[in-house]
C-alpha atoms as a PDB file:
ATOM      1  CA  MET A   1      25.452  31.822  10.721  1.00  0.00           C
ATOM      2  CA  ARG A   2      25.588  28.119  10.024  1.00  0.00           C
ATOM      3  CA  LYS A   3      24.149  27.340  13.502  1.00  0.00           C
ATOM      4  CA  ILE A   4      21.235  29.706  12.894  1.00  0.00           C
ATOM      5  CA  PHE A   5      20.553  28.072   9.518  1.00  0.00           C
ATOM      6  CA  LEU A   6      20.598  24.577  11.085  1.00  0.00           C
ATOM      7  CA  ALA A   7      18.285  25.723  13.891  1.00  0.00           C
ATOM      8  CA  ILE A   8      15.815  27.177  11.373  1.00  0.00           C
ATOM      9  CA  LEU A   9      16.037  24.002   9.297  1.00  0.00           C
ATOM     10  CA  ALA A  10      15.329  21.872  12.398  1.00  0.00           C
ATOM     11  CA  VAL A  11      12.301  23.986  13.351  1.00  0.00           C
ATOM     12  CA  ALA A  12      10.985  23.946   9.779  1.00  0.00           C
ATOM     13  CA  SER A  13      11.324  20.170   9.490  1.00  0.00           C
ATOM     14  CA  THR A  14       9.550  19.745  12.840  1.00  0.00           C
ATOM     15  CA  PHE A  15       6.598  21.753  11.521  1.00  0.00           C
ATOM     16  CA  ALA A  16       6.602  19.761   8.272  1.00  0.00           C
ATOM     17  CA  VAL A  17       6.515  16.454  10.122  1.00  0.00           C
ATOM     18  CA  SER A  18       3.814  17.585  12.559  1.00  0.00           C
ATOM     19  CA  ALA A  19       1.680  18.920   9.692  1.00  0.00           C
ATOM     20  CA  GLN A  20       1.676  15.430   8.139  1.00  0.00           C
ATOM     21  CA  TYR A  21       0.744  13.694  11.390  1.00  0.00           C
ATOM     22  CA  THR A  22      -2.841  12.626  11.796  1.00  0.00           C
ATOM     23  CA  ALA A  23      -4.161  11.345  15.067  1.00  0.00           C
ATOM     24  CA  PRO A  24      -5.156   7.676  15.262  1.00  0.00           C
ATOM     25  CA  GLN A  25      -8.854   7.070  14.728  1.00  0.00           C
ATOM     26  CA  ILE A  26     -10.993   5.000  17.068  1.00  0.00           C
ATOM     27  CA  ILE A  27     -13.075   2.126  15.717  1.00  0.00           C
ATOM     28  CA  ALA A  28     -15.529   0.463  18.091  1.00  0.00           C
ATOM     29  CA  ASN A  29     -15.230  -3.341  17.741  1.00  0.00           C
ATOM     30  CA  GLY A  30     -18.766  -4.694  17.473  1.00  0.00           C
ATOM     31  CA  GLY A  31     -20.027  -1.190  18.184  1.00  0.00           C
ATOM     32  CA  TYR A  32     -19.840   0.324  21.645  1.00  0.00           C
ATOM     33  CA  HIS A  33     -21.462  -2.718  23.250  1.00  0.00           C
ATOM     34  CA  LYS A  34     -20.233  -1.943  26.754  1.00  0.00           C
ATOM     35  CA  ALA A  35     -22.279   1.255  26.873  1.00  0.00           C
ATOM     36  CA  THR A  36     -24.819  -0.526  29.035  1.00  0.00           C
ATOM     37  CA  GLU A  37     -24.576  -3.371  31.500  1.00  0.00           C
ATOM     38  CA  ASN A  38     -26.367  -5.794  29.196  1.00  0.00           C
ATOM     39  CA  GLY A  39     -24.949  -4.598  25.875  1.00  0.00           C
ATOM     40  CA  ALA A  40     -24.191  -7.056  23.097  1.00  0.00           C
ATOM     41  CA  LYS A  41     -21.779  -6.875  20.153  1.00  0.00           C
ATOM     42  CA  ASN A  42     -23.118  -6.359  16.652  1.00  0.00           C
ATOM     43  CA  THR A  43     -26.424  -4.865  17.741  1.00  0.00           C
ATOM     44  CA  ILE A  44     -28.174  -1.712  16.610  1.00  0.00           C
ATOM     45  CA  SER A  45     -27.907  -0.341  20.162  1.00  0.00           C
ATOM     46  CA  ALA A  46     -24.111  -0.878  20.084  1.00  0.00           C
ATOM     47  CA  LEU A  47     -23.938   0.975  16.754  1.00  0.00           C
ATOM     48  CA  LYS A  48     -26.050   3.827  18.154  1.00  0.00           C
ATOM     49  CA  ALA A  49     -23.791   4.079  21.205  1.00  0.00           C
ATOM     50  CA  ALA A  50     -20.695   4.273  18.966  1.00  0.00           C
ATOM     51  CA  GLN A  51     -22.370   6.992  16.916  1.00  0.00           C
ATOM     52  CA  LYS A  52     -23.243   8.893  20.076  1.00  0.00           C
ATOM     53  CA  LEU A  53     -19.552   8.817  21.078  1.00  0.00           C
ATOM     54  CA  LYS A  54     -18.709  10.169  17.617  1.00  0.00           C
ATOM     55  CA  VAL A  55     -15.942   7.646  17.077  1.00  0.00           C
ATOM     56  CA  TYR A  56     -14.465   7.334  13.598  1.00  0.00           C
ATOM     57  CA  GLY A  57     -15.974   3.914  12.914  1.00  0.00           C
ATOM     58  CA  SER A  58     -18.097   1.080  14.222  1.00  0.00           C
ATOM     59  CA  GLU A  59     -17.086  -2.423  13.138  1.00  0.00           C
ATOM     60  CA  CYS A  60     -19.654  -5.147  12.673  1.00  0.00           C
ATOM     61  CA  ASP A  61     -19.389  -8.792  11.641  1.00  0.00           C
ATOM     62  CA  VAL A  62     -21.293  -9.830   8.542  1.00  0.00           C
ATOM     63  CA  ASN A  63     -22.326 -13.403   7.862  1.00  0.00           C
ATOM     64  CA  LEU A  64     -24.356 -15.267   5.253  1.00  0.00           C
ATOM     65  CA  THR A  65     -27.216 -17.607   6.110  1.00  0.00           C
ATOM     66  CA  LYS A  66     -28.006 -20.864   4.332  1.00  0.00           C
ATOM     67  CA  ASP A  67     -30.695 -19.096   2.305  1.00  0.00           C
ATOM     68  CA  GLY A  68     -28.320 -16.324   1.193  1.00  0.00           C
ATOM     69  CA  GLU A  69     -29.391 -13.568   3.568  1.00  0.00           C
ATOM     70  CA  VAL A  70     -26.779 -11.217   5.024  1.00  0.00           C
ATOM     71  CA  LEU A  71     -26.963 -10.786   8.788  1.00  0.00           C
ATOM     72  CA  VAL A  72     -24.862  -8.837  11.251  1.00  0.00           C
ATOM     73  CA  VAL A  73     -23.685 -11.647  13.476  1.00  0.00           C
ATOM     74  CA  GLN A  74     -20.244 -12.745  14.604  1.00  0.00           C
ATOM     75  CA  SER A  75     -18.593 -16.029  13.656  1.00  0.00           C
ATOM     76  CA  GLY A  76     -20.499 -19.041  12.444  1.00  0.00           C
ATOM     77  CA  TRP A  77     -22.551 -19.501  15.607  1.00  0.00           C
ATOM     78  CA  HIS A  78     -25.379 -17.443  16.959  1.00  0.00           C
ATOM     79  CA  PRO A  79     -23.905 -15.063  19.564  1.00  0.00           C
ATOM     80  CA  ASN A  80     -26.390 -16.051  22.253  1.00  0.00           C
ATOM     81  CA  ARG A  81     -24.497 -19.028  23.670  1.00  0.00           C
ATOM     82  CA  GLN A  82     -27.377 -19.753  26.066  1.00  0.00           C
ATOM     83  CA  ALA A  83     -29.809 -20.112  23.178  1.00  0.00           C
ATOM     84  CA  LYS A  84     -31.523 -23.421  22.727  1.00  0.00           C
ATOM     85  CA  PRO A  85     -31.188 -24.899  20.204  1.00  0.00           C
ATOM     86  CA  LYS A  86     -27.725 -23.753  19.140  1.00  0.00           C
ATOM     87  CA  ALA A  87     -27.756 -22.146  15.726  1.00  0.00           C
ATOM     88  CA  ASP A  88     -25.012 -22.372  13.111  1.00  0.00           C
ATOM     89  CA  VAL A  89     -25.610 -19.175  11.150  1.00  0.00           C
ATOM     90  CA  GLN A  90     -24.263 -20.448   7.838  1.00  0.00           C
ATOM     91  CA  ARG A  91     -26.306 -23.662   8.027  1.00  0.00           C
ATOM     92  CA  SER A  92     -29.526 -22.011   9.203  1.00  0.00           C
ATOM     93  CA  THR A  93     -32.121 -19.928   7.459  1.00  0.00           C
ATOM     94  CA  MET A  94     -32.556 -16.261   8.241  1.00  0.00           C
ATOM     95  CA  GLU A  95     -35.998 -17.031   9.671  1.00  0.00           C
ATOM     96  CA  LYS A  96     -34.498 -19.441  12.228  1.00  0.00           C
ATOM     97  CA  ILE A  97     -31.665 -17.096  13.235  1.00  0.00           C
ATOM     98  CA  LEU A  98     -34.013 -14.148  13.694  1.00  0.00           C
ATOM     99  CA  THR A  99     -36.136 -16.126  16.161  1.00  0.00           C
ATOM    100  CA  ILE A 100     -33.197 -16.285  18.593  1.00  0.00           C
ATOM    101  CA  PRO A 101     -32.370 -12.907  20.175  1.00  0.00           C
ATOM    102  CA  HIS A 102     -28.998 -11.782  21.493  1.00  0.00           C
ATOM    103  CA  ALA A 103     -28.375 -12.578  25.167  1.00  0.00           C
ATOM    104  CA  ASN A 104     -29.584  -9.036  26.016  1.00  0.00           C
ATOM    105  CA  GLY A 105     -32.897  -9.667  24.229  1.00  0.00           C
ATOM    106  CA  GLU A 106     -32.121  -7.503  21.213  1.00  0.00           C
ATOM    107  CA  PRO A 107     -32.866  -9.115  17.843  1.00  0.00           C
ATOM    108  CA  ILE A 108     -30.234 -10.058  15.283  1.00  0.00           C
ATOM    109  CA  SER A 109     -30.065  -7.402  12.567  1.00  0.00           C
ATOM    110  CA  THR A 110     -29.899  -7.672   8.834  1.00  0.00           C
ATOM    111  CA  LEU A 111     -27.149  -5.784   7.049  1.00  0.00           C
ATOM    112  CA  GLU A 112     -29.865  -3.614   5.491  1.00  0.00           C
ATOM    113  CA  GLU A 113     -31.052  -2.514   8.953  1.00  0.00           C
ATOM    114  CA  TYR A 114     -27.468  -1.698   9.920  1.00  0.00           C
ATOM    115  CA  LEU A 115     -26.904   0.323   6.755  1.00  0.00           C
ATOM    116  CA  LYS A 116     -30.088   2.325   7.372  1.00  0.00           C
ATOM    117  CA  ARG A 117     -28.959   3.150  10.912  1.00  0.00           C
ATOM    118  CA  ALA A 118     -25.420   4.002   9.754  1.00  0.00           C
ATOM    119  CA  ALA A 119     -26.830   6.408   7.150  1.00  0.00           C
ATOM    120  CA  LYS A 120     -28.484   8.454   9.908  1.00  0.00           C
ATOM    121  CA  LYS A 121     -25.084   9.404  11.377  1.00  0.00           C
ATOM    122  CA  PRO A 122     -22.581   9.109   8.506  1.00  0.00           C
ATOM    123  CA  ALA A 123     -19.767  10.760  10.503  1.00  0.00           C
ATOM    124  CA  THR A 124     -19.264   7.345  12.142  1.00  0.00           C
ATOM    125  CA  LYS A 125     -18.152   4.994   9.366  1.00  0.00           C
ATOM    126  CA  LEU A 126     -19.514   1.472   9.245  1.00  0.00           C
ATOM    127  CA  ILE A 127     -16.647  -1.027   9.029  1.00  0.00           C
ATOM    128  CA  LEU A 128     -17.775  -4.417   7.700  1.00  0.00           C
ATOM    129  CA  ASP A 129     -15.873  -7.518   8.797  1.00  0.00           C
ATOM    130  CA  LEU A 130     -16.891 -10.250   6.369  1.00  0.00           C
ATOM    131  CA  GLN A 131     -16.773 -13.542   8.248  1.00  0.00           C
ATOM    132  CA  ASN A 132     -15.098 -16.592   6.718  1.00  0.00           C
ATOM    133  CA  GLN A 133     -17.462 -18.753   4.744  1.00  0.00           C
ATOM    134  CA  ALA A 134     -17.351 -22.501   4.150  1.00  0.00           C
ATOM    135  CA  THR A 135     -16.436 -22.278   0.465  1.00  0.00           C
ATOM    136  CA  PRO A 136     -14.975 -19.736  -1.958  1.00  0.00           C
ATOM    137  CA  GLN A 137     -18.364 -19.638  -3.717  1.00  0.00           C
ATOM    138  CA  ARG A 138     -20.091 -18.637  -0.461  1.00  0.00           C
ATOM    139  CA  GLU A 139     -17.408 -15.979   0.134  1.00  0.00           C
ATOM    140  CA  SER A 140     -18.163 -14.537  -3.329  1.00  0.00           C
ATOM    141  CA  GLU A 141     -21.887 -14.642  -2.636  1.00  0.00           C
ATOM    142  CA  LEU A 142     -21.386 -12.735   0.631  1.00  0.00           C
ATOM    143  CA  VAL A 143     -19.299 -10.081  -1.109  1.00  0.00           C
ATOM    144  CA  GLU A 144     -21.849  -9.693  -3.924  1.00  0.00           C
ATOM    145  CA  ASN A 145     -24.770  -9.350  -1.517  1.00  0.00           C
END
C-alpha cells in the first residue's frame, strides 16, 4: 500500500512540476536581421522579419542624439562602418544621422517609427535596450523620452 501511495505521489508531483514549466521564449537580437543576405540589425525590415516568425520579442538598441532625439541605433557609432564621415550618434544631430543609411541602404529609424511598426503586430513584444549615455543626465533624458 505504501509503494502505491509513493508511486501516486511521484506521478502527481511530476504533473505539478510540468504544469508550472513554461517554455523559453525567443527574442530576436536586433530583430531577425539575417532574414535576407543584406539584412542589418535594428532596422524596420529586421523587426518585420521577427514579427513574421512570430517570436516572443524583437530587441532593438535605443540611443539619444545630441539634439535629444531617440533613434534605434546600436552603440555610440553609426552602424554603417563604411559610412563617410563616421558619425558618433550621441554627438551628432538627428538630421546628420538620418542622412547616413545602414550598410544595406535602409534608413536609420526613430523610436516612434519602431513603435508604430511594433503596434501592427503586438504579439511580438518590442524589447528596448537603452544604450549607455555619456552622463547620468543624458541617461535620464533617454528614459524620459
